[in-house]
Each structure stands twice: as C-alpha cells, then as structure tokens.
Amino acid sequence: MPQAPSLAPSLLVAALTMLAPAQAQEVSSLYTPLDLKKCKDVTPADAKEYGTIWRCEGYEGLSVRVAEGDLRILVSYGQNTTSRTVALLKPAST
C-alpha cells in the first residue's frame, strides 16, 4: 500500500517563511499645494446655497476635487473624482 506524502517539508518551508525578516520598504510622500483661487468652481447651480465644489489639478495632473459644505472640507483625488466625491452638498436631514 502506498504511503501518503509527508507534510513535514511543507510545514518546514512555511515555518521558515514566517521566521524570515521582513524586507523594509522606503516610505515616501508627495504633496500638492492647494490654492483654491487657482481651482475651477464646478458647483452645480442647485447646490450653491449649501457649499462649493472646486476642481483642481494636483501632482502630475492628478485630478483633485475639493468640496466645502456645512463648515466641512472634503478632498477627493485620482480618477473619477466626480463620482467619488464624499460631499455631494445635499442639505442635511431634518
């Protein structure tokens, strides 16, 4: 009768993998100056009484969308900022 394969080699490899030191990766940050005077006001006409939405150009042309309403400022960046903007500037529920 054939013997079942041993799990010992697999367990040894798994154990050694977990004991290996983690490789450190360089952490870096990039910043975009944000001057709303240089941004385009894209607030829909029916939302102007609730706040303002600006479209700005960020680092290397990255789209930045800034929404202000009810004394809050929210920033979205990247592709499809229109659909990902957190603040849609709708009136608060009463």
PDB file of N, CA and C in Angstrom:
ATOM      1  N   MET A   1       0.841  -1.168   0.000  1.00  0.00           N
ATOM      2  CA  MET A   1       0.000   0.000   0.000  1.00  0.00           C
ATOM      3  C   MET A   1       0.894   1.243   0.000  1.00  0.00           C
ATOM      4  N   PRO A   2       0.619   2.235  -0.927  1.00  0.00           N
ATOM      5  CA  PRO A   2       1.479   3.420  -0.993  1.00  0.00           C
ATOM      6  C   PRO A   2       1.279   4.320   0.222  1.00  0.00           C
ATOM      7  N   GLN A   3       2.358   4.981   0.615  1.00  0.00           N
ATOM      8  CA  GLN A   3       2.296   5.877   1.771  1.00  0.00           C
ATOM      9  C   GLN A   3       1.854   7.261   1.314  1.00  0.00           C
ATOM     10  N   ALA A   4       1.114   7.935   2.178  1.00  0.00           N
ATOM     11  CA  ALA A   4       0.703   9.312   1.901  1.00  0.00           C
ATOM     12  C   ALA A   4       1.920  10.213   1.970  1.00  0.00           C
ATOM     13  N   PRO A   5       1.964  11.253   1.114  1.00  0.00           N
ATOM     14  CA  PRO A   5       3.110  12.166   1.170  1.00  0.00           C
ATOM     15  C   PRO A   5       3.175  12.868   2.527  1.00  0.00           C
ATOM     16  N   SER A   6       4.374  13.098   2.979  1.00  0.00           N
ATOM     17  CA  SER A   6       4.593  13.725   4.276  1.00  0.00           C
ATOM     18  C   SER A   6       4.365  15.234   4.190  1.00  0.00           C
ATOM     19  N   LEU A   7       3.754  15.785   5.207  1.00  0.00           N
ATOM     20  CA  LEU A   7       3.542  17.239   5.285  1.00  0.00           C
ATOM     21  C   LEU A   7       4.738  17.957   5.884  1.00  0.00           C
ATOM     22  N   ALA A   8       5.703  17.222   6.379  1.00  0.00           N
ATOM     23  CA  ALA A   8       6.848  17.828   7.060  1.00  0.00           C
ATOM     24  C   ALA A   8       7.595  18.833   6.188  1.00  0.00           C
ATOM     25  N   PRO A   9       7.914  18.541   4.914  1.00  0.00           N
ATOM     26  CA  PRO A   9       8.628  19.543   4.105  1.00  0.00           C
ATOM     27  C   PRO A   9       7.822  20.829   3.921  1.00  0.00           C
ATOM     28  N   SER A  10       6.508  20.691   3.694  1.00  0.00           N
ATOM     29  CA  SER A  10       5.674  21.883   3.518  1.00  0.00           C
ATOM     30  C   SER A  10       5.609  22.711   4.792  1.00  0.00           C
ATOM     31  N   LEU A  11       5.468  22.050   5.914  1.00  0.00           N
ATOM     32  CA  LEU A  11       5.414  22.765   7.191  1.00  0.00           C
ATOM     33  C   LEU A  11       6.736  23.448   7.498  1.00  0.00           C
ATOM     34  N   LEU A  12       7.840  22.805   7.148  1.00  0.00           N
ATOM     35  CA  LEU A  12       9.156  23.401   7.366  1.00  0.00           C
ATOM     36  C   LEU A  12       9.318  24.669   6.537  1.00  0.00           C
ATOM     37  N   VAL A  13       8.929  24.626   5.272  1.00  0.00           N
ATOM     38  CA  VAL A  13       9.017  25.809   4.405  1.00  0.00           C
ATOM     39  C   VAL A  13       8.133  26.925   4.948  1.00  0.00           C
ATOM     40  N   ALA A  14       6.917  26.597   5.370  1.00  0.00           N
ATOM     41  CA  ALA A  14       6.010  27.609   5.922  1.00  0.00           C
ATOM     42  C   ALA A  14       6.594  28.238   7.184  1.00  0.00           C
ATOM     43  N   ALA A  15       7.161  27.433   8.042  1.00  0.00           N
ATOM     44  CA  ALA A  15       7.744  27.950   9.287  1.00  0.00           C
ATOM     45  C   ALA A  15       8.930  28.861   9.005  1.00  0.00           C
ATOM     46  N   LEU A  16       9.779  28.458   8.065  1.00  0.00           N
ATOM     47  CA  LEU A  16      10.943  29.290   7.724  1.00  0.00           C
ATOM     48  C   LEU A  16      10.522  30.602   7.072  1.00  0.00           C
ATOM     49  N   THR A  17       9.469  30.570   6.295  1.00  0.00           N
ATOM     50  CA  THR A  17       8.969  31.788   5.657  1.00  0.00           C
ATOM     51  C   THR A  17       8.497  32.785   6.720  1.00  0.00           C
ATOM     52  N   MET A  18       7.827  32.286   7.739  1.00  0.00           N
ATOM     53  CA  MET A  18       7.325  33.174   8.792  1.00  0.00           C
ATOM     54  C   MET A  18       8.450  33.720   9.663  1.00  0.00           C
ATOM     55  N   LEU A  19       9.563  33.007   9.748  1.00  0.00           N
ATOM     56  CA  LEU A  19      10.670  33.451  10.580  1.00  0.00           C
ATOM     57  C   LEU A  19      11.611  34.405   9.849  1.00  0.00           C
ATOM     58  N   ALA A  20      11.488  34.485   8.526  1.00  0.00           N
ATOM     59  CA  ALA A  20      12.380  35.353   7.747  1.00  0.00           C
ATOM     60  C   ALA A  20      12.098  36.813   8.093  1.00  0.00           C
ATOM     61  N   PRO A  21      13.133  37.632   8.187  1.00  0.00           N
ATOM     62  CA  PRO A  21      12.903  39.048   8.499  1.00  0.00           C
ATOM     63  C   PRO A  21      12.156  39.743   7.358  1.00  0.00           C
ATOM     64  N   ALA A  22      11.292  40.656   7.719  1.00  0.00           N
ATOM     65  CA  ALA A  22      10.538  41.412   6.721  1.00  0.00           C
ATOM     66  C   ALA A  22      11.470  42.381   6.001  1.00  0.00           C
ATOM     67  N   GLN A  23      11.248  42.547   4.736  1.00  0.00           N
ATOM     68  CA  GLN A  23      12.033  43.488   3.956  1.00  0.00           C
ATOM     69  C   GLN A  23      11.493  44.905   4.179  1.00  0.00           C
ATOM     70  N   ALA A  24      12.340  45.802   4.560  1.00  0.00           N
ATOM     71  CA  ALA A  24      11.928  47.193   4.764  1.00  0.00           C
ATOM     72  C   ALA A  24      11.768  47.872   3.414  1.00  0.00           C
ATOM     73  N   GLN A  25      10.700  48.652   3.276  1.00  0.00           N
ATOM     74  CA  GLN A  25      10.479  49.420   2.061  1.00  0.00           C
ATOM     75  C   GLN A  25      10.555  50.897   2.394  1.00  0.00           C
ATOM     76  N   GLU A  26      11.067  51.640   1.449  1.00  0.00           N
ATOM     77  CA  GLU A  26      11.182  53.082   1.645  1.00  0.00           C
ATOM     78  C   GLU A  26       9.789  53.704   1.648  1.00  0.00           C
ATOM     79  N   VAL A  27       9.535  54.569   2.595  1.00  0.00           N
ATOM     80  CA  VAL A  27       8.274  55.286   2.670  1.00  0.00           C
ATOM     81  C   VAL A  27       8.518  56.696   2.158  1.00  0.00           C
ATOM     82  N   SER A  28       7.684  57.124   1.236  1.00  0.00           N
ATOM     83  CA  SER A  28       7.843  58.481   0.721  1.00  0.00           C
ATOM     84  C   SER A  28       6.479  59.137   0.599  1.00  0.00           C
ATOM     85  N   SER A  29       6.467  60.443   0.559  1.00  0.00           N
ATOM     86  CA  SER A  29       5.237  61.214   0.439  1.00  0.00           C
ATOM     87  C   SER A  29       5.404  62.250  -0.656  1.00  0.00           C
ATOM     88  N   LEU A  30       4.309  62.563  -1.305  1.00  0.00           N
ATOM     89  CA  LEU A  30       4.277  63.615  -2.308  1.00  0.00           C
ATOM     90  C   LEU A  30       3.174  64.585  -1.914  1.00  0.00           C
ATOM     91  N   TYR A  31       3.423  65.846  -2.105  1.00  0.00           N
ATOM     92  CA  TYR A  31       2.462  66.857  -1.705  1.00  0.00           C
ATOM     93  C   TYR A  31       2.088  67.725  -2.891  1.00  0.00           C
ATOM     94  N   THR A  32       0.838  68.189  -2.892  1.00  0.00           N
ATOM     95  CA  THR A  32       0.351  69.118  -3.906  1.00  0.00           C
ATOM     96  C   THR A  32      -0.082  70.387  -3.204  1.00  0.00           C
ATOM     97  N   PRO A  33       0.493  71.515  -3.574  1.00  0.00           N
ATOM     98  CA  PRO A  33      -0.007  72.765  -2.982  1.00  0.00           C
ATOM     99  C   PRO A  33      -1.467  72.954  -3.407  1.00  0.00           C
ATOM    100  N   LEU A  34      -2.307  73.373  -2.506  1.00  0.00           N
ATOM    101  CA  LEU A  34      -3.720  73.551  -2.811  1.00  0.00           C
ATOM    102  C   LEU A  34      -4.107  75.008  -2.600  1.00  0.00           C
ATOM    103  N   ASP A  35      -4.332  75.700  -3.708  1.00  0.00           N
ATOM    104  CA  ASP A  35      -4.735  77.101  -3.678  1.00  0.00           C
ATOM    105  C   ASP A  35      -6.077  77.175  -4.393  1.00  0.00           C
ATOM    106  N   LEU A  36      -7.159  77.285  -3.636  1.00  0.00           N
ATOM    107  CA  LEU A  36      -8.498  77.261  -4.230  1.00  0.00           C
ATOM    108  C   LEU A  36      -8.739  78.425  -5.184  1.00  0.00           C
ATOM    109  N   LYS A  37      -7.953  79.480  -5.074  1.00  0.00           N
ATOM    110  CA  LYS A  37      -8.080  80.599  -6.012  1.00  0.00           C
ATOM    111  C   LYS A  37      -7.667  80.187  -7.424  1.00  0.00           C
ATOM    112  N   LYS A  38      -6.846  79.142  -7.528  1.00  0.00           N
ATOM    113  CA  LYS A  38      -6.389  78.654  -8.826  1.00  0.00           C
ATOM    114  C   LYS A  38      -7.252  77.498  -9.341  1.00  0.00           C
ATOM    115  N   CYS A  39      -8.250  77.096  -8.576  1.00  0.00           N
ATOM    116  CA  CYS A  39      -9.117  75.975  -8.943  1.00  0.00           C
ATOM    117  C   CYS A  39     -10.391  76.493  -9.608  1.00  0.00           C
ATOM    118  N   LYS A  40     -11.049  75.611 -10.342  1.00  0.00           N
ATOM    119  CA  LYS A  40     -12.282  75.971 -11.042  1.00  0.00           C
ATOM    120  C   LYS A  40     -13.490  75.619 -10.171  1.00  0.00           C
ATOM    121  N   ASP A  41     -14.403  76.579 -10.021  1.00  0.00           N
ATOM    122  CA  ASP A  41     -15.644  76.345  -9.272  1.00  0.00           C
ATOM    123  C   ASP A  41     -16.573  75.522 -10.163  1.00  0.00           C
ATOM    124  N   VAL A  42     -16.898  74.297  -9.729  1.00  0.00           N
ATOM    125  CA  VAL A  42     -17.761  73.416 -10.513  1.00  0.00           C
ATOM    126  C   VAL A  42     -19.046  73.075  -9.742  1.00  0.00           C
ATOM    127  N   THR A  43     -19.441  73.963  -8.843  1.00  0.00           N
ATOM    128  CA  THR A  43     -20.631  73.743  -8.028  1.00  0.00           C
ATOM    129  C   THR A  43     -21.874  73.797  -8.910  1.00  0.00           C
ATOM    130  N   PRO A  44     -22.724  72.764  -8.856  1.00  0.00           N
ATOM    131  CA  PRO A  44     -23.991  72.823  -9.596  1.00  0.00           C
ATOM    132  C   PRO A  44     -24.838  73.985  -9.086  1.00  0.00           C
ATOM    133  N   ALA A  45     -25.591  74.617  -9.982  1.00  0.00           N
ATOM    134  CA  ALA A  45     -26.389  75.788  -9.610  1.00  0.00           C
ATOM    135  C   ALA A  45     -27.345  75.486  -8.460  1.00  0.00           C
ATOM    136  N   ASP A  46     -27.927  74.297  -8.433  1.00  0.00           N
ATOM    137  CA  ASP A  46     -28.901  73.974  -7.385  1.00  0.00           C
ATOM    138  C   ASP A  46     -28.257  73.624  -6.045  1.00  0.00           C
ATOM    139  N   ALA A  47     -26.924  73.621  -5.979  1.00  0.00           N
ATOM    140  CA  ALA A  47     -26.237  73.281  -4.722  1.00  0.00           C
ATOM    141  C   ALA A  47     -25.467  74.460  -4.143  1.00  0.00           C
ATOM    142  N   LYS A  48     -25.470  75.595  -4.824  1.00  0.00           N
ATOM    143  CA  LYS A  48     -24.648  76.726  -4.378  1.00  0.00           C
ATOM    144  C   LYS A  48     -25.032  77.244  -2.995  1.00  0.00           C
ATOM    145  N   GLU A  49     -26.266  77.090  -2.582  1.00  0.00           N
ATOM    146  CA  GLU A  49     -26.646  77.589  -1.257  1.00  0.00           C
ATOM    147  C   GLU A  49     -26.129  76.694  -0.138  1.00  0.00           C
ATOM    148  N   TYR A  50     -25.663  75.480  -0.479  1.00  0.00           N
ATOM    149  CA  TYR A  50     -25.186  74.539   0.534  1.00  0.00           C
ATOM    150  C   TYR A  50     -23.671  74.497   0.658  1.00  0.00           C
ATOM    151  N   GLY A  51     -22.948  74.991  -0.352  1.00  0.00           N
ATOM    152  CA  GLY A  51     -21.493  74.942  -0.298  1.00  0.00           C
ATOM    153  C   GLY A  51     -20.894  75.137  -1.684  1.00  0.00           C
ATOM    154  N   THR A  52     -19.632  74.750  -1.815  1.00  0.00           N
ATOM    155  CA  THR A  52     -18.900  74.949  -3.064  1.00  0.00           C
ATOM    156  C   THR A  52     -18.082  73.705  -3.386  1.00  0.00           C
ATOM    157  N   ILE A  53     -17.945  73.416  -4.687  1.00  0.00           N
ATOM    158  CA  ILE A  53     -17.089  72.328  -5.145  1.00  0.00           C
ATOM    159  C   ILE A  53     -16.086  72.916  -6.123  1.00  0.00           C
ATOM    160  N   TRP A  54     -14.813  72.615  -5.922  1.00  0.00           N
ATOM    161  CA  TRP A  54     -13.754  73.071  -6.816  1.00  0.00           C
ATOM    162  C   TRP A  54     -13.086  71.872  -7.478  1.00  0.00           C
ATOM    163  N   ARG A  55     -12.640  72.060  -8.700  1.00  0.00           N
ATOM    164  CA  ARG A  55     -11.826  71.057  -9.397  1.00  0.00           C
ATOM    165  C   ARG A  55     -10.448  71.671  -9.569  1.00  0.00           C
ATOM    166  N   CYS A  56      -9.431  70.958  -9.104  1.00  0.00           N
ATOM    167  CA  CYS A  56      -8.064  71.466  -9.144  1.00  0.00           C
ATOM    168  C   CYS A  56      -7.163  70.442  -9.841  1.00  0.00           C
ATOM    169  N   GLU A  57      -6.009  70.901 -10.242  1.00  0.00           N
ATOM    170  CA  GLU A  57      -5.012  69.997 -10.803  1.00  0.00           C
ATOM    171  C   GLU A  57      -3.948  69.761  -9.751  1.00  0.00           C
ATOM    172  N   GLY A  58      -3.698  68.493  -9.470  1.00  0.00           N
ATOM    173  CA  GLY A  58      -2.721  68.144  -8.455  1.00  0.00           C
ATOM    174  C   GLY A  58      -1.415  67.666  -9.058  1.00  0.00           C
ATOM    175  N   TYR A  59      -0.664  66.937  -8.292  1.00  0.00           N
ATOM    176  CA  TYR A  59       0.645  66.417  -8.670  1.00  0.00           C
ATOM    177  C   TYR A  59       0.558  65.659  -9.984  1.00  0.00           C
ATOM    178  N   GLU A  60       1.407  66.025 -10.922  1.00  0.00           N
ATOM    179  CA  GLU A  60       1.484  65.419 -12.249  1.00  0.00           C
ATOM    180  C   GLU A  60       0.127  65.327 -12.935  1.00  0.00           C
ATOM    181  N   GLY A  61      -0.715  66.359 -12.752  1.00  0.00           N
ATOM    182  CA  GLY A  61      -2.008  66.417 -13.421  1.00  0.00           C
ATOM    183  C   GLY A  61      -3.109  65.610 -12.756  1.00  0.00           C
ATOM    184  N   LEU A  62      -2.841  65.062 -11.589  1.00  0.00           N
ATOM    185  CA  LEU A  62      -3.837  64.277 -10.868  1.00  0.00           C
ATOM    186  C   LEU A  62      -5.043  65.154 -10.546  1.00  0.00           C
ATOM    187  N   SER A  63      -6.235  64.653 -10.799  1.00  0.00           N
ATOM    188  CA  SER A  63      -7.448  65.405 -10.527  1.00  0.00           C
ATOM    189  C   SER A  63      -7.694  65.474  -9.023  1.00  0.00           C
ATOM    190  N   VAL A  64      -7.954  66.689  -8.537  1.00  0.00           N
ATOM    191  CA  VAL A  64      -8.256  66.900  -7.117  1.00  0.00           C
ATOM    192  C   VAL A  64      -9.590  67.633  -7.059  1.00  0.00           C
ATOM    193  N   ARG A  65     -10.501  67.148  -6.247  1.00  0.00           N
ATOM    194  CA  ARG A  65     -11.814  67.773  -6.097  1.00  0.00           C
ATOM    195  C   ARG A  65     -11.997  68.115  -4.624  1.00  0.00           C
ATOM    196  N   VAL A  66     -12.296  69.369  -4.362  1.00  0.00           N
ATOM    197  CA  VAL A  66     -12.472  69.857  -3.001  1.00  0.00           C
ATOM    198  C   VAL A  66     -13.928  70.282  -2.849  1.00  0.00           C
ATOM    199  N   ALA A  67     -14.595  69.765  -1.828  1.00  0.00           N
ATOM    200  CA  ALA A  67     -15.986  70.117  -1.570  1.00  0.00           C
ATOM    201  C   ALA A  67     -16.086  70.723  -0.182  1.00  0.00           C
ATOM    202  N   GLU A  68     -16.783  71.861  -0.096  1.00  0.00           N
ATOM    203  CA  GLU A  68     -16.976  72.547   1.181  1.00  0.00           C
ATOM    204  C   GLU A  68     -18.476  72.692   1.389  1.00  0.00           C
ATOM    205  N   GLY A  69     -18.925  72.327   2.562  1.00  0.00           N
ATOM    206  CA  GLY A  69     -20.329  72.499   2.906  1.00  0.00           C
ATOM    207  C   GLY A  69     -20.519  72.300   4.393  1.00  0.00           C
ATOM    208  N   ASP A  70     -21.359  73.093   4.992  1.00  0.00           N
ATOM    209  CA  ASP A  70     -21.658  72.988   6.422  1.00  0.00           C
ATOM    210  C   ASP A  70     -20.383  73.046   7.261  1.00  0.00           C
ATOM    211  N   LEU A  71     -19.478  73.926   6.869  1.00  0.00           N
ATOM    212  CA  LEU A  71     -18.200  74.156   7.561  1.00  0.00           C
ATOM    213  C   LEU A  71     -17.295  72.930   7.564  1.00  0.00           C
ATOM    214  N   ARG A  72     -17.469  72.043   6.578  1.00  0.00           N
ATOM    215  CA  ARG A  72     -16.603  70.872   6.422  1.00  0.00           C
ATOM    216  C   ARG A  72     -15.935  70.943   5.057  1.00  0.00           C
ATOM    217  N   ILE A  73     -14.713  70.458   4.987  1.00  0.00           N
ATOM    218  CA  ILE A  73     -13.999  70.396   3.716  1.00  0.00           C
ATOM    219  C   ILE A  73     -13.599  68.950   3.479  1.00  0.00           C
ATOM    220  N   LEU A  74     -13.943  68.441   2.303  1.00  0.00           N
ATOM    221  CA  LEU A  74     -13.607  67.071   1.925  1.00  0.00           C
ATOM    222  C   LEU A  74     -12.823  67.102   0.630  1.00  0.00           C
ATOM    223  N   VAL A  75     -11.816  66.250   0.524  1.00  0.00           N
ATOM    224  CA  VAL A  75     -10.944  66.234  -0.645  1.00  0.00           C
ATOM    225  C   VAL A  75     -10.956  64.835  -1.258  1.00  0.00           C
ATOM    226  N   SER A  76     -11.169  64.762  -2.562  1.00  0.00           N
ATOM    227  CA  SER A  76     -11.072  63.519  -3.319  1.00  0.00           C
ATOM    228  C   SER A  76      -9.988  63.722  -4.359  1.00  0.00           C
ATOM    229  N   TYR A  77      -9.296  62.660  -4.716  1.00  0.00           N
ATOM    230  CA  TYR A  77      -8.258  62.787  -5.726  1.00  0.00           C
ATOM    231  C   TYR A  77      -8.166  61.504  -6.530  1.00  0.00           C
ATOM    232  N   GLY A  78      -7.626  61.624  -7.734  1.00  0.00           N
ATOM    233  CA  GLY A  78      -7.472  60.463  -8.607  1.00  0.00           C
ATOM    234  C   GLY A  78      -8.495  60.479  -9.715  1.00  0.00           C
ATOM    235  N   GLN A  79      -8.652  59.326 -10.353  1.00  0.00           N
ATOM    236  CA  GLN A  79      -9.606  59.210 -11.446  1.00  0.00           C
ATOM    237  C   GLN A  79     -11.029  59.205 -10.897  1.00  0.00           C
ATOM    238  N   ASN A  80     -11.941  59.698 -11.685  1.00  0.00           N
ATOM    239  CA  ASN A  80     -13.375  59.693 -11.349  1.00  0.00           C
ATOM    240  C   ASN A  80     -13.693  60.424 -10.053  1.00  0.00           C
ATOM    241  N   THR A  81     -13.063  61.557  -9.828  1.00  0.00           N
ATOM    242  CA  THR A  81     -13.330  62.292  -8.584  1.00  0.00           C
ATOM    243  C   THR A  81     -14.778  62.761  -8.517  1.00  0.00           C
ATOM    244  N   THR A  82     -15.413  62.956  -9.663  1.00  0.00           N
ATOM    245  CA  THR A  82     -16.807  63.395  -9.665  1.00  0.00           C
ATOM    246  C   THR A  82     -17.697  62.361  -9.008  1.00  0.00           C
ATOM    247  N   SER A  83     -17.471  61.096  -9.297  1.00  0.00           N
ATOM    248  CA  SER A  83     -18.316  60.050  -8.730  1.00  0.00           C
ATOM    249  C   SER A  83     -17.843  59.612  -7.344  1.00  0.00           C
ATOM    250  N   ARG A  84     -16.641  59.995  -6.947  1.00  0.00           N
ATOM    251  CA  ARG A  84     -16.111  59.564  -5.655  1.00  0.00           C
ATOM    252  C   ARG A  84     -16.093  60.677  -4.623  1.00  0.00           C
ATOM    253  N   THR A  85     -16.575  61.844  -4.969  1.00  0.00           N
ATOM    254  CA  THR A  85     -16.566  62.938  -4.002  1.00  0.00           C
ATOM    255  C   THR A  85     -17.445  62.575  -2.823  1.00  0.00           C
ATOM    256  N   VAL A  86     -16.906  62.687  -1.645  1.00  0.00           N
ATOM    257  CA  VAL A  86     -17.637  62.308  -0.444  1.00  0.00           C
ATOM    258  C   VAL A  86     -18.805  63.273  -0.223  1.00  0.00           C
ATOM    259  N   ALA A  87     -18.551  64.555  -0.366  1.00  0.00           N
ATOM    260  CA  ALA A  87     -19.594  65.545  -0.100  1.00  0.00           C
ATOM    261  C   ALA A  87     -20.350  65.857  -1.378  1.00  0.00           C
ATOM    262  N   LEU A  88     -21.606  65.549  -1.426  1.00  0.00           N
ATOM    263  CA  LEU A  88     -22.422  65.873  -2.580  1.00  0.00           C
ATOM    264  C   LEU A  88     -23.207  67.158  -2.346  1.00  0.00           C
ATOM    265  N   LEU A  89     -22.938  67.792  -1.212  1.00  0.00           N
ATOM    266  CA  LEU A  89     -23.541  69.070  -0.849  1.00  0.00           C
ATOM    267  C   LEU A  89     -25.054  69.048  -0.888  1.00  0.00           C
ATOM    268  N   LYS A  90     -25.621  68.001  -0.326  1.00  0.00           N
ATOM    269  CA  LYS A  90     -27.076  67.924  -0.193  1.00  0.00           C
ATOM    270  C   LYS A  90     -27.420  68.482   1.178  1.00  0.00           C
ATOM    271  N   PRO A  91     -28.601  69.079   1.306  1.00  0.00           N
ATOM    272  CA  PRO A  91     -28.968  69.611   2.611  1.00  0.00           C
ATOM    273  C   PRO A  91     -29.066  68.497   3.656  1.00  0.00           C
ATOM    274  N   ALA A  92     -28.723  68.850   4.881  1.00  0.00           N
ATOM    275  CA  ALA A  92     -28.775  67.879   5.973  1.00  0.00           C
ATOM    276  C   ALA A  92     -30.226  67.485   6.238  1.00  0.00           C
ATOM    277  N   SER A  93     -30.404  66.237   6.656  1.00  0.00           N
ATOM    278  CA  SER A  93     -31.755  65.771   7.002  1.00  0.00           C
ATOM    279  C   SER A  93     -32.253  66.511   8.236  1.00  0.00           C
ATOM    280  N   THR A  94     -33.532  66.777   8.261  1.00  0.00           N
ATOM    281  CA  THR A  94     -34.108  67.451   9.443  1.00  0.00           C
ATOM    282  C   THR A  94     -34.931  66.503  10.247  1.00  0.00           C
TER     283      THR A  94
END
